[in-house]
Amino acid sequence: MDAQSRGQTDGTDPADQWVLNPETGEYELRLNDSAEQPRTPRPRSAPHPGSTAPARVPGQRGRRAAPAAEDTPGPGSRKRKQKRSRKKKALMWTGGALGLVLVGGSAFAYYWYDRLYGNINTVDIGDVGSDEAVADGPVNLLVIGNDVRTGEGNEAYGNRTNVTGHADTTLLFHMSEDRTNATVVSIPRDLMIKIPDCESKQSDGSTKKIPGSTVPTKFNESYGVNGRDPGCTMLTVEEITGLELDHFMMFDFNAVKTLSTAVGGVKVCLEEPIKDLDGGSGLDLPEGESTIQGEDALSFLRNRHGLKNESDLDRIEMQQKFVASMLRQLKEDTLDSPSKMLDVADAATKSLTVDKGIGSPSKLLTLARELGKIDLKNITLMTLPVVDNPDEPTPVTVVLHPVEAPKLFSMLQNDVSLTEVKKKEKDAKDKQAELLEGTRAEASEIRVDVLNGGGPGGAAQDTLVWLQTSEGVARSTNKGNAPADVDKTRLEYAPNQADQARKLADLMGLPASAMKPGTTDADATTPMTLTLGPDFTKAGVSIAPPKKVDVKQSRADEKMCKK
């Protein structure tokens, strides 16, 4: 693989990374809390030509910059306050190792930190992704399952000539800004989508420009074909979803074997036995609960035999259950065992390939700490909403669901939880929501100037035509481009225009957060000001995100066997 590297390159002594925390009495990996530095704001992103997703909502993190001088997450526009905690899970996958450090001393710490650092395989994906392990705001992590057949026993799974692999099993992990919930979306390998142009870093330091597909192509070709690297897969997912992705982790068949073994096996449950002795997987499992690891775990994830339609979508559902079971195993059993934690940390760092933004034990620890804050019951697993490809007489591929997929993308872009997370309602939010409560004016009474502050080209004129011809808002005017772009669509109005504002909010599908009331009344002929932001996609399409999506979902705390 191009532009890969292993081990430590910054000259930092690994032993010096471990320090005693006087607050907890425990040894921890030291993360450099250097002074906050100013950072160039990321440019507002917009879809590439032909994109299936709406314009991206700008994030609060920066795209990857030049490598930092030290092994530490890059500074953000705001620093998240570090919470003092005595809980073991705060140390996540290195927690067990730290317990042994107290016994073994700095020599042990040096050995394990140096070993884990040397294990890590990284890929330079240029300016794709984030240079911070975890930034303020939501975090989007792409987990790519590479179907390369290298390794003992893997040639039995077909296509022995595949030496680079493809994006076979891909999971988009969206972690909410407040770290109360997460959504895991499986992307079918046979999804037909246009792959965008991308660049791939070469081993000699040069950059190879790779043209995108001119016609819909299988998603799995976003990696490994024509020299595409994981950064190309990330760009493809950004194109599909409208999200900004931060990092990737890639694993192959061998990773499934070693990780499932390191955690002591993963519990799965079948309603009916599966025997695929003559098929590609060789799986042989009885009805009921089984604990699988190694080759059996890989066979379970690869198997289609005996499933409902024996399709890739059926296999994805089984993979989601396996992932959920492994997460439970890690949380409920592995974290309390120092020896198991070292085995998992060793196996994980040997098996995973990551971007340089998380290419060190301390950066992986930072990411793991954030993931560890989320309760399993608040992790939703689902498959990207798709339908059979209408262009195929006998469909073997799928395309995005025209209704449910945009709903899901909007929810992710706006960080809407798919679980019933109980959140503390702040007075400010309650007060903002009240702005949508009250009487409404007639559409014919609305006076509004429409400006484009970051929406698609021609958005102001399109909205004007829609308001006047479809909604009866005759007193509307196109004022062209706004003086400056805005982060999100906003409606500014005077107190005595509140009834007009509420009616326009109904027509446009504006969320309460878009309402910006002034303090001084306006005269009868003064219009309100509607500025369209990057969250605006099309006239007549609600800007407020949907609250639910009609797609089958599961939770990470749900066991396969209900008994």
Protein backbone atom coordinates (compact mmCIF):
# COMPACT_ATOMS: atom_id res chain seq x y z
CA MET A 1 0.00 0.00 0.00
CA ASP A 2 1.29 3.45 -0.90
CA ALA A 3 2.63 5.97 1.55
CA GLN A 4 2.40 3.71 4.59
CA SER A 5 4.55 3.86 7.66
CA ARG A 6 5.03 2.04 10.93
CA GLY A 7 6.45 3.11 14.24
CA GLN A 8 7.63 6.28 15.85
CA THR A 9 9.06 9.07 13.71
CA ASP A 10 8.98 12.17 15.91
CA GLY A 11 11.88 11.28 18.19
CA THR A 12 9.75 11.21 21.35
CA ASP A 13 10.89 8.69 23.96
CA PRO A 14 7.85 6.40 24.53
CA ALA A 15 8.74 5.97 28.21
CA ASP A 16 8.40 9.70 28.72
CA GLN A 17 4.79 9.52 27.58
CA TRP A 18 3.71 7.81 30.85
CA VAL A 19 3.22 10.04 33.89
CA LEU A 20 1.66 9.69 37.33
CA ASN A 21 -1.63 11.59 37.65
CA PRO A 22 -1.67 13.03 41.21
CA GLU A 23 -5.46 13.34 41.10
CA THR A 24 -6.08 9.64 40.45
CA GLY A 25 -2.88 8.02 41.67
CA GLU A 26 -2.62 6.14 38.36
CA TYR A 27 -0.16 6.21 35.49
CA GLU A 28 -1.57 7.64 32.28
CA LEU A 29 -0.37 8.44 28.78
CA ARG A 30 0.62 12.09 28.72
CA LEU A 31 -1.10 14.09 26.00
CA ASN A 32 0.57 17.38 25.15
CA ASP A 33 -1.63 20.25 26.35
CA SER A 34 0.34 22.92 24.57
CA ALA A 35 -0.98 26.43 24.28
CA GLU A 36 -3.84 26.85 21.92
CA GLN A 37 -2.77 28.16 18.54
CA PRO A 38 -4.87 30.04 16.04
CA ARG A 39 -6.09 27.92 13.19
CA THR A 40 -7.17 28.83 9.71
CA PRO A 41 -10.93 28.20 9.45
CA ARG A 42 -11.94 25.39 7.14
CA PRO A 43 -13.55 26.59 3.94
CA ARG A 44 -17.25 26.05 3.51
CA SER A 45 -17.75 22.77 1.70
CA ALA A 46 -20.17 22.14 -1.12
CA PRO A 47 -20.98 18.98 -3.06
CA HIS A 48 -18.93 18.07 -6.09
CA PRO A 49 -20.76 18.33 -9.40
CA GLY A 50 -23.23 15.47 -9.66
CA SER A 51 -23.23 14.84 -5.93
CA THR A 52 -26.14 12.89 -4.45
CA ALA A 53 -25.94 14.71 -1.13
CA PRO A 54 -26.85 18.26 -0.11
CA ALA A 55 -24.23 20.85 0.75
CA ARG A 56 -22.33 19.97 3.88
CA VAL A 57 -22.98 21.79 7.11
CA PRO A 58 -19.63 23.33 8.11
CA GLY A 59 -17.94 21.62 11.04
CA GLN A 60 -15.79 23.13 13.77
CA ARG A 61 -12.68 21.17 12.96
CA GLY A 62 -9.91 21.78 10.46
CA ARG A 63 -8.89 19.66 7.55
CA ARG A 64 -5.57 17.93 7.83
CA ALA A 65 -2.64 20.36 7.93
CA ALA A 66 1.08 19.75 7.98
CA PRO A 67 2.09 17.04 10.50
CA ALA A 68 2.34 18.29 14.06
CA ALA A 69 5.76 18.46 15.65
CA GLU A 70 4.69 16.26 18.54
CA ASP A 71 2.53 13.18 18.97
CA THR A 72 -0.58 14.96 20.14
CA PRO A 73 -3.95 15.96 18.80
CA GLY A 74 -3.82 19.29 16.99
CA PRO A 75 -5.35 22.35 18.61
CA GLY A 76 -8.96 23.18 17.86
CA SER A 77 -10.92 26.37 17.83
CA ARG A 78 -12.12 25.47 21.31
CA LYS A 79 -10.66 23.03 23.79
CA ARG A 80 -12.95 20.50 25.42
CA LYS A 81 -12.51 20.67 29.18
CA GLN A 82 -10.81 17.58 30.52
CA LYS A 83 -12.96 15.89 33.13
CA ARG A 84 -11.27 14.36 36.14
CA SER A 85 -12.37 10.79 36.49
CA ARG A 86 -11.38 7.78 38.57
CA LYS A 87 -13.32 5.35 36.41
CA LYS A 88 -11.40 2.55 34.76
CA LYS A 89 -13.21 2.95 31.48
CA ALA A 90 -11.69 6.41 31.04
CA LEU A 91 -8.48 4.63 30.09
CA MET A 92 -10.32 2.32 27.65
CA TRP A 93 -8.19 -0.20 25.80
CA THR A 94 -4.95 0.78 27.56
CA GLY A 95 -6.55 0.58 31.01
CA GLY A 96 -5.33 -2.93 31.68
CA ALA A 97 -1.80 -2.08 30.61
CA LEU A 98 -1.68 0.80 33.05
CA GLY A 99 -2.53 -1.55 35.88
CA LEU A 100 0.55 -3.61 35.11
CA VAL A 101 2.68 -0.49 34.70
CA LEU A 102 2.28 0.11 38.44
CA VAL A 103 3.94 -3.26 39.01
CA GLY A 104 6.43 -3.37 36.18
CA GLY A 105 7.61 0.24 36.25
CA SER A 106 8.86 2.44 33.43
CA ALA A 107 10.72 -0.35 31.63
CA PHE A 108 7.41 -2.17 31.17
CA ALA A 109 5.76 1.05 30.04
CA TYR A 110 8.51 1.66 27.53
CA TYR A 111 8.27 -1.87 26.18
CA TRP A 112 4.50 -1.80 25.63
CA TYR A 113 4.25 1.75 24.35
CA ASP A 114 7.13 1.17 21.95
CA ARG A 115 5.60 -2.14 20.84
CA LEU A 116 2.14 -0.67 20.25
CA TYR A 117 3.61 2.32 18.41
CA GLY A 118 5.63 0.01 16.21
CA ASN A 119 2.53 -2.06 15.45
CA ILE A 120 0.51 0.82 14.05
CA ASN A 121 0.22 0.97 10.28
CA THR A 122 -0.61 4.42 8.87
CA VAL A 123 -1.52 5.85 5.47
CA ASP A 124 -0.98 9.45 4.42
CA ILE A 125 -4.31 10.55 2.90
CA GLY A 126 -3.26 14.14 2.30
CA ASP A 127 -5.75 16.80 3.29
CA VAL A 128 -8.67 14.40 3.63
CA GLY A 129 -9.95 14.04 7.19
CA SER A 130 -8.91 15.87 10.33
CA ASP A 131 -5.49 16.45 11.86
CA GLU A 132 -7.04 16.24 15.34
CA ALA A 133 -7.74 12.90 17.02
CA VAL A 134 -10.96 14.34 18.44
CA ALA A 135 -12.22 17.84 17.73
CA ASP A 136 -15.10 19.77 19.21
CA GLY A 137 -18.38 18.75 17.64
CA PRO A 138 -19.51 15.40 16.23
CA VAL A 139 -16.92 12.86 15.12
CA ASN A 140 -17.31 10.77 11.95
CA LEU A 141 -15.14 7.65 11.73
CA LEU A 142 -15.11 5.34 8.71
CA VAL A 143 -14.33 1.68 9.39
CA ILE A 144 -13.35 -0.12 6.18
CA GLY A 145 -13.30 -3.89 5.87
CA ASN A 146 -10.73 -4.79 3.20
CA ASP A 147 -11.45 -8.07 1.39
CA VAL A 148 -7.83 -8.75 0.39
CA ARG A 149 -7.19 -12.52 0.60
CA THR A 150 -3.61 -12.45 1.90
CA GLY A 151 -2.91 -14.47 5.03
CA GLU A 152 -3.14 -18.11 6.00
CA GLY A 153 -6.47 -19.72 5.09
CA ASN A 154 -7.93 -16.61 3.45
CA GLU A 155 -7.46 -17.82 -0.13
CA ALA A 156 -10.55 -20.02 0.35
CA TYR A 157 -12.78 -16.97 0.25
CA GLY A 158 -12.40 -16.45 -3.51
CA ASN A 159 -10.63 -14.01 -5.86
CA ARG A 160 -7.09 -15.11 -5.03
CA THR A 161 -5.64 -12.61 -7.51
CA ASN A 162 -6.94 -9.65 -5.46
CA VAL A 163 -3.74 -8.25 -3.95
CA THR A 164 -5.00 -4.83 -2.81
CA GLY A 165 -8.56 -5.57 -1.77
CA HIS A 166 -11.73 -3.48 -1.99
CA ALA A 167 -14.05 -1.69 0.44
CA ASP A 168 -16.04 -4.82 1.26
CA THR A 169 -17.62 -4.15 4.66
CA THR A 170 -17.84 -0.45 5.47
CA LEU A 171 -19.26 1.16 8.61
CA LEU A 172 -19.79 4.88 9.14
CA PHE A 173 -19.55 5.60 12.88
CA HIS A 174 -21.13 8.96 13.79
CA MET A 175 -20.48 10.04 17.38
CA SER A 176 -22.66 12.89 18.65
CA GLU A 177 -21.20 16.17 19.81
CA ASP A 178 -22.39 15.65 23.40
CA ARG A 179 -21.13 12.02 23.38
CA THR A 180 -24.49 10.68 24.54
CA ASN A 181 -25.22 8.61 21.44
CA ALA A 182 -23.78 7.21 18.23
CA THR A 183 -25.11 5.91 14.92
CA VAL A 184 -23.38 3.12 13.00
CA VAL A 185 -24.40 2.92 9.34
CA SER A 186 -23.41 -0.04 7.16
CA ILE A 187 -22.78 0.88 3.52
CA PRO A 188 -23.54 -1.97 1.08
CA ARG A 189 -20.62 -2.92 -1.12
CA ASP A 190 -22.97 -3.20 -4.12
CA LEU A 191 -24.33 0.33 -3.78
CA MET A 192 -24.17 2.05 -7.18
CA ILE A 193 -22.72 5.52 -6.78
CA LYS A 194 -20.43 7.90 -8.64
CA ILE A 195 -16.93 7.88 -7.16
CA PRO A 196 -15.37 11.37 -7.07
CA ASP A 197 -11.92 12.39 -8.25
CA CYS A 198 -9.29 11.89 -5.56
CA GLU A 199 -5.57 12.00 -4.93
CA SER A 200 -3.34 9.25 -3.56
CA LYS A 201 0.01 9.79 -1.88
CA GLN A 202 2.78 7.65 -3.33
CA SER A 203 5.74 6.09 -1.49
CA ASP A 204 8.15 8.53 -3.16
CA GLY A 205 6.22 11.50 -1.79
CA SER A 206 4.48 12.37 -5.04
CA THR A 207 0.73 12.65 -5.45
CA LYS A 208 -1.22 10.63 -8.00
CA LYS A 209 -4.45 12.14 -9.29
CA ILE A 210 -7.11 9.49 -9.83
CA PRO A 211 -10.17 10.35 -11.94
CA GLY A 212 -13.58 9.48 -10.57
CA SER A 213 -16.17 7.32 -12.26
CA THR A 214 -18.23 8.88 -15.05
CA VAL A 215 -21.12 6.47 -14.49
CA PRO A 216 -22.53 4.85 -11.35
CA THR A 217 -20.06 2.29 -10.01
CA LYS A 218 -20.09 -0.19 -7.15
CA PHE A 219 -19.12 1.44 -3.87
CA ASN A 220 -16.51 -1.21 -3.11
CA GLU A 221 -14.39 0.12 -5.99
CA SER A 222 -13.80 3.34 -4.04
CA TYR A 223 -10.79 1.54 -2.55
CA GLY A 224 -8.12 -0.53 -4.31
CA VAL A 225 -9.18 0.17 -7.91
CA ASN A 226 -6.89 2.37 -10.04
CA GLY A 227 -4.71 3.01 -7.00
CA ARG A 228 -7.47 4.50 -4.82
CA ASP A 229 -6.52 4.67 -1.12
CA PRO A 230 -8.75 4.96 1.98
CA GLY A 231 -8.87 8.73 1.47
CA CYS A 232 -10.74 8.09 -1.78
CA THR A 233 -13.26 5.96 0.11
CA MET A 234 -13.68 8.74 2.66
CA LEU A 235 -14.34 11.27 -0.11
CA THR A 236 -16.88 8.91 -1.65
CA VAL A 237 -18.76 8.61 1.65
CA GLU A 238 -18.64 12.39 2.08
CA GLU A 239 -20.13 12.69 -1.42
CA ILE A 240 -22.91 10.26 -0.53
CA THR A 241 -23.83 11.61 2.91
CA GLY A 242 -22.86 15.28 2.90
CA LEU A 243 -20.86 14.71 6.10
CA GLU A 244 -17.27 15.71 6.79
CA LEU A 245 -15.30 12.59 7.79
CA ASP A 246 -12.53 12.80 10.39
CA HIS A 247 -10.69 9.48 10.33
CA PHE A 248 -10.62 5.98 8.97
CA MET A 249 -9.68 2.57 10.33
CA MET A 250 -9.17 -0.33 7.94
CA PHE A 251 -9.03 -4.00 8.80
CA ASP A 252 -8.66 -7.18 6.78
CA PHE A 253 -9.62 -10.84 7.22
CA ASN A 254 -6.69 -11.43 9.58
CA ALA A 255 -7.88 -8.64 11.88
CA VAL A 256 -11.22 -10.36 12.40
CA LYS A 257 -9.42 -13.55 13.41
CA THR A 258 -6.95 -11.95 15.79
CA LEU A 259 -9.34 -9.48 17.45
CA SER A 260 -12.09 -12.04 18.02
CA THR A 261 -9.52 -14.34 19.60
CA ALA A 262 -7.98 -11.58 21.71
CA VAL A 263 -11.33 -10.75 23.36
CA GLY A 264 -11.86 -14.42 24.20
CA GLY A 265 -14.46 -15.07 21.52
CA VAL A 266 -17.67 -13.33 20.48
CA LYS A 267 -21.12 -14.65 21.39
CA VAL A 268 -23.56 -15.11 18.51
CA CYS A 269 -26.97 -16.74 18.36
CA LEU A 270 -28.82 -18.49 15.54
CA GLU A 271 -32.52 -19.30 15.26
CA GLU A 272 -31.60 -22.18 12.95
CA PRO A 273 -28.31 -24.05 12.47
CA ILE A 274 -26.04 -23.07 9.57
CA LYS A 275 -24.00 -25.63 7.68
CA ASP A 276 -22.08 -24.25 4.72
CA LEU A 277 -19.46 -26.99 4.52
CA ASP A 278 -19.48 -27.00 0.71
CA GLY A 279 -19.84 -23.24 0.30
CA GLY A 280 -17.37 -20.39 0.43
CA SER A 281 -17.48 -19.83 4.21
CA GLY A 282 -17.28 -23.38 5.59
CA LEU A 283 -19.42 -22.26 8.54
CA ASP A 284 -20.92 -24.96 10.78
CA LEU A 285 -22.83 -23.59 13.77
CA PRO A 286 -25.73 -25.08 15.76
CA GLU A 287 -28.99 -23.44 16.70
CA GLY A 288 -28.78 -21.21 19.76
CA GLU A 289 -25.78 -19.48 21.30
CA SER A 290 -22.18 -20.09 20.28
CA THR A 291 -18.91 -18.36 21.10
CA ILE A 292 -16.81 -17.96 17.98
CA GLN A 293 -13.30 -16.70 17.31
CA GLY A 294 -10.57 -16.93 14.72
CA GLU A 295 -11.54 -18.71 11.51
CA ASP A 296 -15.12 -19.32 12.72
CA ALA A 297 -15.59 -15.60 13.37
CA LEU A 298 -14.42 -14.73 9.86
CA SER A 299 -16.66 -17.42 8.37
CA PHE A 300 -19.63 -16.01 10.30
CA LEU A 301 -19.04 -12.53 8.87
CA ARG A 302 -18.53 -13.80 5.32
CA ASN A 303 -21.43 -16.27 5.25
CA ARG A 304 -24.66 -15.77 3.28
CA HIS A 305 -25.84 -19.38 3.29
CA GLY A 306 -29.00 -20.03 5.27
CA LEU A 307 -29.91 -16.35 5.59
CA LYS A 308 -33.28 -14.96 4.47
CA ASN A 309 -32.39 -14.05 0.89
CA GLU A 310 -28.75 -15.12 1.03
CA SER A 311 -27.90 -11.57 -0.01
CA ASP A 312 -25.27 -9.04 0.97
CA LEU A 313 -27.91 -7.05 2.87
CA ASP A 314 -28.73 -10.15 4.97
CA ARG A 315 -25.04 -10.64 5.66
CA ILE A 316 -24.73 -6.98 6.74
CA GLU A 317 -27.42 -7.52 9.38
CA MET A 318 -25.47 -10.46 10.81
CA GLN A 319 -22.28 -8.39 10.78
CA GLN A 320 -24.00 -5.64 12.77
CA LYS A 321 -25.03 -8.17 15.42
CA PHE A 322 -21.47 -9.46 15.58
CA VAL A 323 -20.11 -5.92 16.04
CA ALA A 324 -22.65 -5.22 18.79
CA SER A 325 -21.72 -8.45 20.57
CA MET A 326 -18.01 -7.62 20.39
CA LEU A 327 -18.67 -4.16 21.83
CA ARG A 328 -20.52 -5.75 24.75
CA GLN A 329 -17.69 -8.22 25.25
CA LEU A 330 -15.15 -5.40 25.41
CA LYS A 331 -17.19 -3.34 27.87
CA GLU A 332 -18.44 -6.13 30.12
CA ASP A 333 -15.45 -8.45 30.26
CA THR A 334 -12.24 -7.31 28.62
CA LEU A 335 -11.79 -3.89 30.24
CA ASP A 336 -11.41 -5.42 33.70
CA SER A 337 -8.72 -7.90 32.64
CA PRO A 338 -5.17 -6.48 32.28
CA SER A 339 -3.95 -9.48 30.31
CA LYS A 340 -6.90 -9.37 27.91
CA MET A 341 -6.50 -5.64 27.45
CA LEU A 342 -2.87 -6.07 26.44
CA ASP A 343 -3.85 -8.84 24.02
CA VAL A 344 -6.58 -6.64 22.49
CA ALA A 345 -4.33 -3.58 22.26
CA ASP A 346 -1.58 -5.65 20.65
CA ALA A 347 -3.95 -7.38 18.23
CA ALA A 348 -5.76 -4.16 17.33
CA THR A 349 -2.65 -2.14 16.59
CA LYS A 350 -1.19 -4.98 14.54
CA SER A 351 -4.35 -5.50 12.51
CA LEU A 352 -5.61 -1.99 11.84
CA THR A 353 -4.45 0.57 9.32
CA VAL A 354 -5.33 4.17 10.22
CA ASP A 355 -4.79 7.72 9.00
CA LYS A 356 -1.98 9.78 10.51
CA GLY A 357 -4.48 11.85 12.51
CA ILE A 358 -4.89 8.87 14.86
CA GLY A 359 -1.63 7.11 14.06
CA SER A 360 -0.21 6.74 17.57
CA PRO A 361 -1.24 5.02 20.83
CA SER A 362 -1.95 8.35 22.54
CA LYS A 363 -4.17 9.56 19.69
CA LEU A 364 -6.03 6.26 19.57
CA LEU A 365 -6.45 6.55 23.33
CA THR A 366 -7.97 10.01 22.92
CA LEU A 367 -10.48 8.68 20.41
CA ALA A 368 -11.21 5.61 22.55
CA ARG A 369 -11.93 7.78 25.59
CA GLU A 370 -14.63 9.63 23.66
CA LEU A 371 -16.17 6.43 22.35
CA GLY A 372 -16.17 4.98 25.85
CA LYS A 373 -18.48 7.72 27.10
CA ILE A 374 -21.40 6.36 25.08
CA ASP A 375 -23.76 3.84 26.67
CA LEU A 376 -24.30 0.74 24.52
CA LYS A 377 -28.07 1.25 24.57
CA ASN A 378 -27.55 4.57 22.82
CA ILE A 379 -25.54 3.13 19.91
CA THR A 380 -27.82 2.54 16.92
CA LEU A 381 -26.83 0.13 14.15
CA MET A 382 -28.54 0.24 10.76
CA THR A 383 -28.00 -0.28 7.05
CA LEU A 384 -27.94 2.67 4.68
CA PRO A 385 -31.47 2.92 3.21
CA VAL A 386 -31.38 1.42 -0.30
CA VAL A 387 -33.67 -0.10 -2.93
CA ASP A 388 -33.05 -2.51 -5.78
CA ASN A 389 -31.40 -0.92 -8.79
CA PRO A 390 -34.26 -0.05 -11.19
CA ASP A 391 -31.89 -0.12 -14.17
CA GLU A 392 -31.34 -3.88 -13.82
CA PRO A 393 -33.96 -6.39 -15.04
CA THR A 394 -32.83 -8.79 -12.33
CA PRO A 395 -31.32 -6.49 -9.67
CA VAL A 396 -28.00 -7.52 -8.18
CA THR A 397 -27.01 -4.04 -7.04
CA VAL A 398 -28.77 -1.32 -5.05
CA VAL A 399 -29.23 2.46 -5.15
CA LEU A 400 -30.00 5.00 -2.44
CA HIS A 401 -33.58 5.05 -1.17
CA PRO A 402 -34.99 8.29 -2.63
CA VAL A 403 -36.91 9.20 0.53
CA GLU A 404 -35.32 7.57 3.57
CA ALA A 405 -31.65 8.06 2.63
CA PRO A 406 -31.91 11.89 2.49
CA LYS A 407 -33.73 11.81 5.83
CA LEU A 408 -30.90 9.84 7.43
CA PHE A 409 -28.26 12.13 5.95
CA SER A 410 -30.08 15.20 7.28
CA MET A 411 -30.30 13.67 10.76
CA LEU A 412 -26.59 12.87 10.78
CA GLN A 413 -25.64 16.29 9.43
CA ASN A 414 -27.69 17.94 12.17
CA ASP A 415 -26.48 15.51 14.86
CA VAL A 416 -29.97 14.19 15.59
CA SER A 417 -29.99 11.09 17.80
CA LEU A 418 -31.76 7.94 16.60
CA THR A 419 -32.10 6.77 20.20
CA GLU A 420 -34.32 8.09 22.97
CA VAL A 421 -31.50 9.79 24.84
CA LYS A 422 -32.71 11.83 27.80
CA LYS A 423 -31.05 15.21 27.59
CA LYS A 424 -31.14 18.07 30.04
CA GLU A 425 -33.14 20.85 28.44
CA LYS A 426 -31.50 24.22 28.84
CA ASP A 427 -33.58 27.34 29.41
CA ALA A 428 -32.06 28.91 26.31
CA LYS A 429 -33.26 26.04 24.13
CA ASP A 430 -36.75 26.16 25.64
CA LYS A 431 -36.90 29.88 25.00
CA GLN A 432 -35.74 29.40 21.42
CA ALA A 433 -38.41 26.77 20.78
CA GLU A 434 -41.08 29.18 22.02
CA LEU A 435 -40.34 31.43 19.05
CA LEU A 436 -42.30 29.02 16.86
CA GLU A 437 -45.33 29.15 19.16
CA GLY A 438 -48.09 31.70 18.58
CA THR A 439 -50.32 33.10 15.86
CA ARG A 440 -49.51 32.98 12.17
CA ALA A 441 -49.97 35.66 9.54
CA GLU A 442 -51.43 34.89 6.12
CA ALA A 443 -48.87 34.10 3.42
CA SER A 444 -50.01 37.18 1.49
CA GLU A 445 -49.02 39.37 4.46
CA ILE A 446 -45.41 38.20 4.58
CA ARG A 447 -42.73 40.67 3.49
CA VAL A 448 -39.27 39.15 3.14
CA ASP A 449 -35.94 39.77 1.40
CA VAL A 450 -34.17 36.56 0.37
CA LEU A 451 -30.35 36.36 0.26
CA ASN A 452 -27.96 33.55 -0.54
CA GLY A 453 -25.42 33.17 2.26
CA GLY A 454 -23.86 29.83 1.37
CA GLY A 455 -26.62 27.85 -0.30
CA PRO A 456 -26.44 26.37 -3.81
CA GLY A 457 -26.01 28.74 -6.73
CA GLY A 458 -29.29 30.45 -7.62
CA ALA A 459 -30.85 29.50 -4.28
CA ALA A 460 -32.28 32.98 -3.62
CA GLN A 461 -33.99 33.20 -7.01
CA ASP A 462 -35.30 29.62 -6.82
CA THR A 463 -36.74 30.32 -3.37
CA LEU A 464 -38.30 33.57 -4.55
CA VAL A 465 -40.06 31.84 -7.46
CA TRP A 466 -41.27 29.04 -5.17
CA LEU A 467 -42.58 31.45 -2.52
CA GLN A 468 -44.42 33.60 -5.06
CA THR A 469 -45.85 30.93 -7.36
CA SER A 470 -46.45 28.03 -4.95
CA GLU A 471 -46.98 29.60 -1.53
CA GLY A 472 -48.59 32.98 -2.24
CA VAL A 473 -45.80 35.10 -0.73
CA ALA A 474 -46.03 37.89 -3.31
CA ARG A 475 -44.15 40.48 -1.24
CA SER A 476 -40.81 38.71 -1.48
CA THR A 477 -37.65 40.00 -3.13
CA ASN A 478 -34.40 38.43 -4.32
CA LYS A 479 -31.52 40.46 -2.83
CA GLY A 480 -28.77 38.30 -4.31
CA ASN A 481 -25.72 37.19 -2.34
CA ALA A 482 -25.43 38.04 1.35
CA PRO A 483 -22.53 40.29 2.46
CA ALA A 484 -21.02 37.24 4.19
CA ASP A 485 -21.77 33.54 4.33
CA VAL A 486 -23.62 32.12 7.32
CA ASP A 487 -23.20 28.75 9.00
CA LYS A 488 -26.89 27.94 8.76
CA THR A 489 -30.06 29.46 7.34
CA ARG A 490 -31.43 32.29 9.47
CA LEU A 491 -34.52 34.50 9.52
CA GLU A 492 -34.12 37.97 11.05
CA TYR A 493 -37.27 39.87 11.99
CA ALA A 494 -38.67 42.56 14.27
CA PRO A 495 -40.84 41.74 17.32
CA ASN A 496 -43.98 42.98 15.55
CA GLN A 497 -43.21 40.63 12.61
CA ALA A 498 -43.27 37.46 14.73
CA ASP A 499 -46.53 36.22 13.19
CA GLN A 500 -45.04 36.62 9.70
CA ALA A 501 -41.85 34.86 10.81
CA ARG A 502 -43.74 31.88 12.23
CA LYS A 503 -45.73 31.50 9.00
CA LEU A 504 -42.58 31.68 6.86
CA ALA A 505 -40.91 29.15 9.18
CA ASP A 506 -43.84 26.79 8.54
CA LEU A 507 -43.52 27.22 4.77
CA MET A 508 -39.74 26.84 4.69
CA GLY A 509 -39.47 24.16 7.36
CA LEU A 510 -37.20 26.33 9.48
CA PRO A 511 -36.02 25.00 12.87
CA ALA A 512 -36.35 27.16 15.98
CA SER A 513 -32.61 27.80 15.91
CA ALA A 514 -33.03 29.71 12.63
CA MET A 515 -35.26 32.33 14.22
CA LYS A 516 -33.39 35.55 15.03
CA PRO A 517 -35.77 38.16 16.51
CA GLY A 518 -34.66 41.76 16.91
CA THR A 519 -35.47 44.19 19.71
CA THR A 520 -37.07 47.08 17.82
CA ASP A 521 -40.39 47.06 15.96
CA ALA A 522 -40.35 47.67 12.20
CA ASP A 523 -42.67 49.85 10.16
CA ALA A 524 -45.32 48.26 7.98
CA THR A 525 -43.27 48.25 4.80
CA THR A 526 -39.98 46.91 6.18
CA PRO A 527 -39.34 43.28 5.14
CA MET A 528 -37.83 40.48 7.17
CA THR A 529 -34.44 39.08 6.03
CA LEU A 530 -34.10 35.40 5.12
CA THR A 531 -30.46 34.32 4.54
CA LEU A 532 -30.03 30.86 3.03
CA GLY A 533 -27.09 28.87 4.40
CA PRO A 534 -25.37 25.62 3.40
CA ASP A 535 -28.12 23.63 5.14
CA PHE A 536 -30.54 24.85 2.44
CA THR A 537 -30.77 22.24 -0.33
CA LYS A 538 -33.78 23.09 -2.47
CA ALA A 539 -36.84 25.33 -2.46
CA GLY A 540 -39.74 23.46 -0.91
CA VAL A 541 -37.51 21.04 1.03
CA SER A 542 -37.66 21.43 4.80
CA ILE A 543 -34.50 22.80 6.39
CA ALA A 544 -35.30 21.40 9.84
CA PRO A 545 -33.95 17.84 10.10
CA PRO A 546 -36.42 14.94 10.36
CA LYS A 547 -36.88 13.32 13.76
CA LYS A 548 -36.94 9.73 12.55
CA VAL A 549 -36.17 7.53 9.57
CA ASP A 550 -38.20 4.48 8.54
CA VAL A 551 -35.39 1.92 8.45
CA LYS A 552 -34.81 -1.22 10.50
CA GLN A 553 -32.54 -0.46 13.45
CA SER A 554 -30.91 -2.29 16.35
CA ARG A 555 -29.07 -1.23 19.51
CA ALA A 556 -25.64 -2.34 20.64
CA ASP A 557 -27.01 -3.60 23.97
CA GLU A 558 -29.48 -5.98 22.30
CA LYS A 559 -28.40 -9.61 22.46
CA MET A 560 -28.94 -11.93 19.50
CA CYS A 561 -30.66 -14.44 21.73
CA LYS A 562 -33.67 -12.85 23.42
CA LYS A 563 -33.91 -15.66 26.02
